[in-house]
Amino acid sequence: MLWAHNGHVSTESIGGYGPMGKSLREMFGTQMVVFGFAFNQGSFQAIDQGKGLRDFTVPPSPAGSLDATFAAAGIPLFALDLRAAPKSGFVATWLSEPHETRSIGAVFSETLAAQSLADLTAPQCFDVMIFVEKTTAARKNPEVSVLSCPIGEQYEQPGIARECRDLDYSLSFKLPAGWRIDRTIRFGDQETSIGISNPQSQTFGLWYKVLKPQEKMTSEEIRRALAASPDEKVVQRVNQGLTDYRIRPDSHQARSIAGHPALSCIADFTQDGRDMAEYLTWIRSDNTFALFFGRVPVAELDSFRESFDQIIETLRVP
């Protein structure tokens, strides 16, 4: 799907220039379907020159215009297949004639509203028209951090992130207010490591690997891989110098994250003379192997698990 302004997707000129839709029609013929949009009244966002992006509201369209005629049908929202319109008679004649319609682009001004009307012969420009009686202006999305970075390079995302997405691998998760992404590193074979910190400046992480087709597992293989993950983590952490790193025997918790099998557990160890705990959660889908992990003093474990689980439960993987 390609989405653009009416004047760009039109298969005939609107306003005197050769539109993209005309070139695409020459390339693809009837293999593509072109939708035009029309509305009668309501609000929208546009750039007010010198003032930036803001909301505008316009009254009902002028009598006799394409928009006003659609509105006269009394249907608040509809799609009209112009390809199926009558080929003769009053309707065919009316459709074959040009009619004024609103053509509002990126820039608008109340003082120039009359100039936003353009003559348009609907069936020559579009295959289908979608009509909205009354529109509402677009609403701003929450802040988004896109974790897309070249392999092997570090990506810094300062400030507060709300939803974090890896567009390359269709993976996302959400962070509560005050939590942030500190870094994202691509490395190895389709692996990614993300550093996360909370308002107390404690650091945590998410690691994930996108599996190749030959690495995809059956349900039983996934279950066995999850069961073996804690023991493999012990070996890794001991090799990293945490010689007393141990998984709590009674901490294993089988769970489901977004419909995918998962396993959580807790490990104890000492670091710089302090009793520490690491909370770990592995998630396995057909395409992705992910691990959330965070280290905190043992006394802070319960409150940390509660807040960290809120993030873990938002993970979405393909």
Protein backbone atom coordinates (compact mmCIF):
# COMPACT_ATOMS: atom_id res chain seq x y z
CA MET A 1 0.00 0.00 0.00
CA LEU A 2 1.28 3.43 -0.99
CA TRP A 3 -0.32 6.36 0.84
CA ALA A 4 -0.05 9.94 -0.41
CA HIS A 5 -2.07 13.09 -1.03
CA ASN A 6 -4.94 12.93 -3.53
CA GLY A 7 -2.95 15.09 -5.92
CA HIS A 8 -0.07 12.60 -5.91
CA VAL A 9 -1.98 9.31 -6.25
CA SER A 10 -4.40 10.68 -8.88
CA THR A 11 -4.08 9.10 -12.31
CA GLU A 12 -4.81 12.45 -13.95
CA SER A 13 -3.45 15.91 -13.28
CA ILE A 14 -4.99 17.90 -10.41
CA GLY A 15 -3.66 21.43 -10.42
CA GLY A 16 -1.64 21.28 -13.61
CA TYR A 17 1.27 18.87 -12.92
CA GLY A 18 1.92 15.25 -13.82
CA PRO A 19 1.11 13.18 -10.71
CA MET A 20 2.79 10.03 -9.48
CA GLY A 21 -0.44 8.06 -9.93
CA LYS A 22 -0.41 8.69 -13.67
CA SER A 23 3.06 7.18 -14.00
CA LEU A 24 2.08 4.21 -11.83
CA ARG A 25 -1.04 3.64 -13.92
CA GLU A 26 1.12 3.48 -17.03
CA MET A 27 3.33 0.91 -15.31
CA PHE A 28 0.70 -1.28 -13.61
CA GLY A 29 -2.57 -0.62 -15.41
CA THR A 30 -5.54 -2.21 -13.67
CA GLN A 31 -3.30 -4.27 -11.36
CA MET A 32 -3.48 -1.37 -8.91
CA VAL A 33 -6.49 0.34 -7.34
CA VAL A 34 -6.34 4.06 -6.62
CA PHE A 35 -8.38 5.45 -3.69
CA GLY A 36 -9.21 9.14 -3.42
CA PHE A 37 -10.45 10.79 -0.24
CA ALA A 38 -13.10 13.47 0.26
CA PHE A 39 -14.75 15.02 3.32
CA ASN A 40 -17.52 17.50 3.96
CA GLN A 41 -16.50 19.29 7.16
CA GLY A 42 -14.38 18.95 10.27
CA SER A 43 -10.81 19.30 11.53
CA PHE A 44 -7.37 18.39 10.27
CA GLN A 45 -3.71 19.25 10.84
CA ALA A 46 -1.69 21.39 8.44
CA ILE A 47 1.17 23.85 8.53
CA ASP A 48 0.18 27.45 9.13
CA GLN A 49 2.99 29.40 7.50
CA GLY A 50 5.09 31.09 10.15
CA LYS A 51 3.27 29.27 12.97
CA GLY A 52 4.01 25.60 12.33
CA LEU A 53 1.73 22.57 12.48
CA ARG A 54 -1.68 23.15 14.07
CA ASP A 55 -5.34 22.14 13.92
CA PHE A 56 -7.78 23.73 11.48
CA THR A 57 -11.56 23.38 11.27
CA VAL A 58 -13.62 24.04 8.13
CA PRO A 59 -17.42 24.30 7.64
CA PRO A 60 -19.49 22.18 5.22
CA SER A 61 -18.29 22.18 1.62
CA PRO A 62 -19.79 24.63 -0.91
CA ALA A 63 -23.07 23.64 -2.54
CA GLY A 64 -22.59 21.83 -5.83
CA SER A 65 -19.13 20.57 -4.95
CA LEU A 66 -18.21 16.89 -5.11
CA ASP A 67 -17.91 16.84 -1.33
CA ALA A 68 -21.31 18.47 -0.73
CA THR A 69 -22.99 16.08 -3.19
CA PHE A 70 -21.52 13.07 -1.38
CA ALA A 71 -22.69 14.57 1.91
CA ALA A 72 -26.23 14.89 0.53
CA ALA A 73 -26.43 11.09 0.46
CA GLY A 74 -26.76 11.23 4.25
CA ILE A 75 -24.21 8.43 4.80
CA PRO A 76 -21.46 9.53 7.23
CA LEU A 77 -18.77 7.16 5.94
CA PHE A 78 -18.69 5.20 2.69
CA ALA A 79 -16.50 3.88 -0.13
CA LEU A 80 -17.79 4.41 -3.69
CA ASP A 81 -16.42 2.09 -6.40
CA LEU A 82 -16.34 4.40 -9.43
CA ARG A 83 -15.47 1.47 -11.70
CA ALA A 84 -18.95 0.06 -11.10
CA ALA A 85 -20.78 3.35 -11.74
CA PRO A 86 -23.39 3.48 -14.54
CA LYS A 87 -21.98 4.02 -18.03
CA SER A 88 -24.95 6.03 -19.25
CA GLY A 89 -27.73 8.19 -17.82
CA PHE A 90 -27.79 11.07 -15.35
CA VAL A 91 -25.23 9.60 -12.90
CA ALA A 92 -22.76 8.81 -15.70
CA THR A 93 -23.13 12.33 -17.09
CA TRP A 94 -22.65 13.95 -13.68
CA LEU A 95 -19.57 11.87 -12.88
CA SER A 96 -18.00 12.67 -16.26
CA GLU A 97 -18.05 16.40 -15.48
CA PRO A 98 -15.49 18.22 -13.31
CA HIS A 99 -16.63 19.29 -9.84
CA GLU A 100 -14.95 21.33 -7.16
CA THR A 101 -13.49 19.36 -4.27
CA ARG A 102 -11.26 20.27 -1.37
CA SER A 103 -7.59 19.64 -2.09
CA ILE A 104 -5.72 20.40 1.14
CA GLY A 105 -2.06 19.55 1.39
CA ALA A 106 0.65 20.16 3.97
CA VAL A 107 0.05 23.93 4.11
CA PHE A 108 -3.26 25.68 4.82
CA SER A 109 -4.62 29.05 5.89
CA GLU A 110 -8.15 30.24 6.61
CA THR A 111 -7.55 33.31 4.45
CA LEU A 112 -6.67 31.07 1.49
CA ALA A 113 -9.38 28.45 2.06
CA ALA A 114 -11.07 29.22 -1.25
CA GLN A 115 -7.83 28.39 -3.07
CA SER A 116 -7.91 24.86 -1.62
CA LEU A 117 -10.79 23.96 -3.98
CA ALA A 118 -9.78 22.21 -7.20
CA ASP A 119 -11.81 20.93 -10.17
CA LEU A 120 -11.75 17.16 -10.34
CA THR A 121 -13.40 14.56 -12.58
CA ALA A 122 -13.56 11.71 -10.11
CA PRO A 123 -13.53 8.58 -12.37
CA GLN A 124 -10.59 9.97 -14.36
CA CYS A 125 -8.51 10.41 -11.21
CA PHE A 126 -9.50 7.52 -8.92
CA ASP A 127 -10.92 4.00 -9.01
CA VAL A 128 -12.63 4.34 -5.63
CA MET A 129 -13.51 7.32 -3.44
CA ILE A 130 -13.74 7.18 0.33
CA PHE A 131 -15.95 9.87 1.86
CA VAL A 132 -16.01 11.07 5.46
CA GLU A 133 -18.80 13.44 6.51
CA LYS A 134 -16.95 14.92 9.50
CA THR A 135 -13.28 14.53 10.29
CA THR A 136 -11.25 14.95 13.47
CA ALA A 137 -7.67 16.20 13.53
CA ALA A 138 -4.83 13.71 13.92
CA ARG A 139 -3.72 13.10 17.50
CA LYS A 140 -0.06 12.91 18.46
CA ASN A 141 1.34 9.45 19.12
CA PRO A 142 3.30 8.69 22.32
CA GLU A 143 7.04 9.20 22.09
CA VAL A 144 8.71 6.31 20.32
CA SER A 145 12.30 5.11 20.41
CA VAL A 146 13.30 3.24 17.28
CA LEU A 147 16.11 0.84 18.09
CA SER A 148 17.44 0.42 14.58
CA CYS A 149 21.22 0.61 14.27
CA PRO A 150 23.94 -0.70 11.97
CA ILE A 151 25.51 -3.97 13.05
CA GLY A 152 28.40 -3.42 15.41
CA GLU A 153 27.64 0.25 16.11
CA GLN A 154 26.31 1.74 19.32
CA TYR A 155 23.10 3.77 19.28
CA GLU A 156 22.46 6.30 22.05
CA GLN A 157 18.83 7.15 22.95
CA PRO A 158 18.73 9.80 25.67
CA GLY A 159 15.67 10.77 27.62
CA ILE A 160 12.49 8.88 28.37
CA ALA A 161 11.24 6.24 25.95
CA ARG A 162 7.66 5.00 25.93
CA GLU A 163 7.58 2.32 23.26
CA CYS A 164 10.77 0.83 21.88
CA ARG A 165 10.78 -0.87 18.52
CA ASP A 166 13.36 -2.73 16.51
CA LEU A 167 12.02 -2.20 13.00
CA ASP A 168 14.59 -4.54 11.49
CA TYR A 169 13.35 -7.52 13.50
CA SER A 170 9.72 -6.54 14.28
CA LEU A 171 10.38 -6.61 18.04
CA SER A 172 8.99 -4.11 20.54
CA PHE A 173 8.54 -3.51 24.26
CA LYS A 174 7.37 -0.64 26.45
CA LEU A 175 9.05 1.27 29.23
CA PRO A 176 7.23 3.04 32.08
CA ALA A 177 7.86 6.71 32.78
CA GLY A 178 11.35 7.34 34.10
CA TRP A 179 12.93 4.29 32.47
CA ARG A 180 15.15 4.83 29.46
CA ILE A 181 17.22 3.19 26.76
CA ASP A 182 20.93 3.85 27.31
CA ARG A 183 22.43 1.94 24.40
CA THR A 184 21.75 -0.59 21.68
CA ILE A 185 24.48 -2.72 20.14
CA ARG A 186 24.23 -5.12 17.20
CA PHE A 187 26.83 -7.88 17.33
CA GLY A 188 27.54 -11.50 16.49
CA ASP A 189 25.06 -13.37 14.34
CA GLN A 190 21.80 -11.36 14.33
CA GLU A 191 22.15 -10.57 18.04
CA THR A 192 21.22 -7.35 19.82
CA SER A 193 21.97 -6.10 23.33
CA ILE A 194 20.00 -3.21 24.86
CA GLY A 195 20.95 -1.37 28.03
CA ILE A 196 18.06 -0.09 30.15
CA SER A 197 18.10 2.10 33.25
CA ASN A 198 15.43 3.14 35.75
CA PRO A 199 14.94 6.43 37.65
CA GLN A 200 17.36 5.20 40.34
CA SER A 201 20.08 4.88 37.63
CA GLN A 202 20.21 1.11 38.08
CA THR A 203 21.07 -0.68 34.84
CA PHE A 204 19.40 -3.72 33.32
CA GLY A 205 19.34 -5.38 29.95
CA LEU A 206 17.58 -7.15 27.13
CA TRP A 207 19.39 -9.51 24.80
CA TYR A 208 17.79 -11.17 21.80
CA LYS A 209 18.78 -13.19 18.79
CA VAL A 210 16.77 -13.60 15.60
CA LEU A 211 16.86 -17.21 14.53
CA LYS A 212 17.69 -18.44 11.06
CA PRO A 213 15.24 -20.83 9.35
CA GLN A 214 17.40 -23.86 10.16
CA GLU A 215 17.50 -22.82 13.83
CA LYS A 216 13.73 -22.80 14.32
CA MET A 217 12.52 -25.30 16.89
CA THR A 218 9.56 -27.51 17.60
CA SER A 219 7.53 -26.93 20.76
CA GLU A 220 9.37 -29.73 22.55
CA GLU A 221 12.76 -28.36 21.50
CA ILE A 222 11.74 -24.92 22.78
CA ARG A 223 10.72 -26.42 26.13
CA ARG A 224 14.05 -28.23 26.50
CA ALA A 225 16.02 -25.13 25.50
CA LEU A 226 14.25 -23.02 28.10
CA ALA A 227 14.80 -25.67 30.79
CA ALA A 228 18.54 -25.70 30.05
CA SER A 229 18.93 -21.91 29.99
CA PRO A 230 19.51 -21.37 33.75
CA ASP A 231 22.35 -23.90 33.90
CA GLU A 232 23.94 -22.33 30.83
CA LYS A 233 23.70 -18.91 32.46
CA VAL A 234 25.49 -20.19 35.59
CA VAL A 235 28.42 -21.37 33.45
CA GLN A 236 28.53 -18.03 31.64
CA ARG A 237 28.43 -15.93 34.81
CA VAL A 238 31.06 -18.05 36.59
CA ASN A 239 33.33 -17.66 33.56
CA GLN A 240 32.76 -13.90 33.85
CA GLY A 241 34.17 -13.97 37.39
CA LEU A 242 31.05 -14.41 39.55
CA THR A 243 32.37 -17.60 41.08
CA ASP A 244 29.56 -18.00 43.65
CA TYR A 245 26.75 -17.41 41.13
CA ARG A 246 23.91 -19.89 41.81
CA ILE A 247 20.31 -20.26 40.63
CA ARG A 248 17.76 -20.56 43.43
CA PRO A 249 16.34 -24.11 43.09
CA ASP A 250 12.79 -23.05 43.94
CA SER A 251 12.73 -19.93 41.75
CA HIS A 252 11.95 -21.53 38.36
CA GLN A 253 8.65 -20.18 37.01
CA ALA A 254 7.24 -21.37 33.69
CA ARG A 255 5.12 -18.64 32.12
CA SER A 256 3.80 -17.25 28.85
CA ILE A 257 4.75 -13.88 27.34
CA ALA A 258 2.52 -12.69 24.48
CA GLY A 259 1.57 -16.28 23.79
CA HIS A 260 5.17 -17.54 23.71
CA PRO A 261 6.72 -19.94 26.26
CA ALA A 262 8.95 -18.28 28.84
CA LEU A 263 10.90 -19.12 31.98
CA SER A 264 11.87 -16.88 34.90
CA CYS A 265 14.28 -17.56 37.74
CA ILE A 266 16.48 -15.84 40.31
CA ALA A 267 20.22 -16.17 40.89
CA ASP A 268 22.23 -15.16 43.97
CA PHE A 269 25.84 -13.97 44.02
CA THR A 270 28.12 -11.50 45.78
CA GLN A 271 29.66 -8.46 44.16
CA ASP A 272 31.97 -5.98 45.89
CA GLY A 273 31.05 -7.56 49.22
CA ARG A 274 27.28 -7.09 48.72
CA ASP A 275 24.61 -9.78 48.47
CA MET A 276 23.15 -9.43 44.99
CA ALA A 277 20.37 -11.10 43.00
CA GLU A 278 19.82 -11.38 39.25
CA TYR A 279 16.30 -11.73 37.88
CA LEU A 280 16.22 -13.50 34.51
CA THR A 281 13.39 -14.21 32.06
CA TRP A 282 13.89 -16.12 28.81
CA ILE A 283 11.28 -15.95 26.02
CA ARG A 284 11.31 -18.17 22.98
CA SER A 285 9.21 -17.82 19.82
CA ASP A 286 9.55 -19.54 16.47
CA ASN A 287 11.80 -16.71 15.27
CA THR A 288 13.36 -15.07 18.31
CA PHE A 289 15.21 -16.01 21.50
CA ALA A 290 15.15 -13.20 24.09
CA LEU A 291 16.44 -12.69 27.62
CA PHE A 292 15.57 -9.90 30.08
CA PHE A 293 18.01 -9.63 32.99
CA GLY A 294 18.60 -7.24 35.87
CA ARG A 295 20.90 -7.24 38.89
CA VAL A 296 19.93 -5.55 42.16
CA PRO A 297 20.78 -5.86 45.86
CA VAL A 298 18.85 -8.75 47.38
CA ALA A 299 16.85 -6.38 49.60
CA GLU A 300 15.47 -4.61 46.49
CA LEU A 301 14.58 -7.75 44.54
CA ASP A 302 10.84 -7.91 45.22
CA SER A 303 10.08 -4.32 44.21
CA PHE A 304 12.38 -4.62 41.20
CA ARG A 305 10.71 -7.79 39.96
CA GLU A 306 7.32 -6.12 40.08
CA SER A 307 8.42 -3.16 37.95
CA PHE A 308 10.59 -5.23 35.60
CA ASP A 309 7.76 -7.69 34.96
CA GLN A 310 5.65 -4.79 33.73
CA ILE A 311 8.21 -4.30 30.95
CA ILE A 312 8.69 -8.00 30.24
CA GLU A 313 4.95 -8.54 29.74
CA THR A 314 4.92 -5.92 26.95
CA LEU A 315 7.47 -7.74 24.81
CA ARG A 316 6.23 -8.54 21.31
CA VAL A 317 8.31 -10.75 19.06
CA PRO A 318 7.59 -12.31 15.65
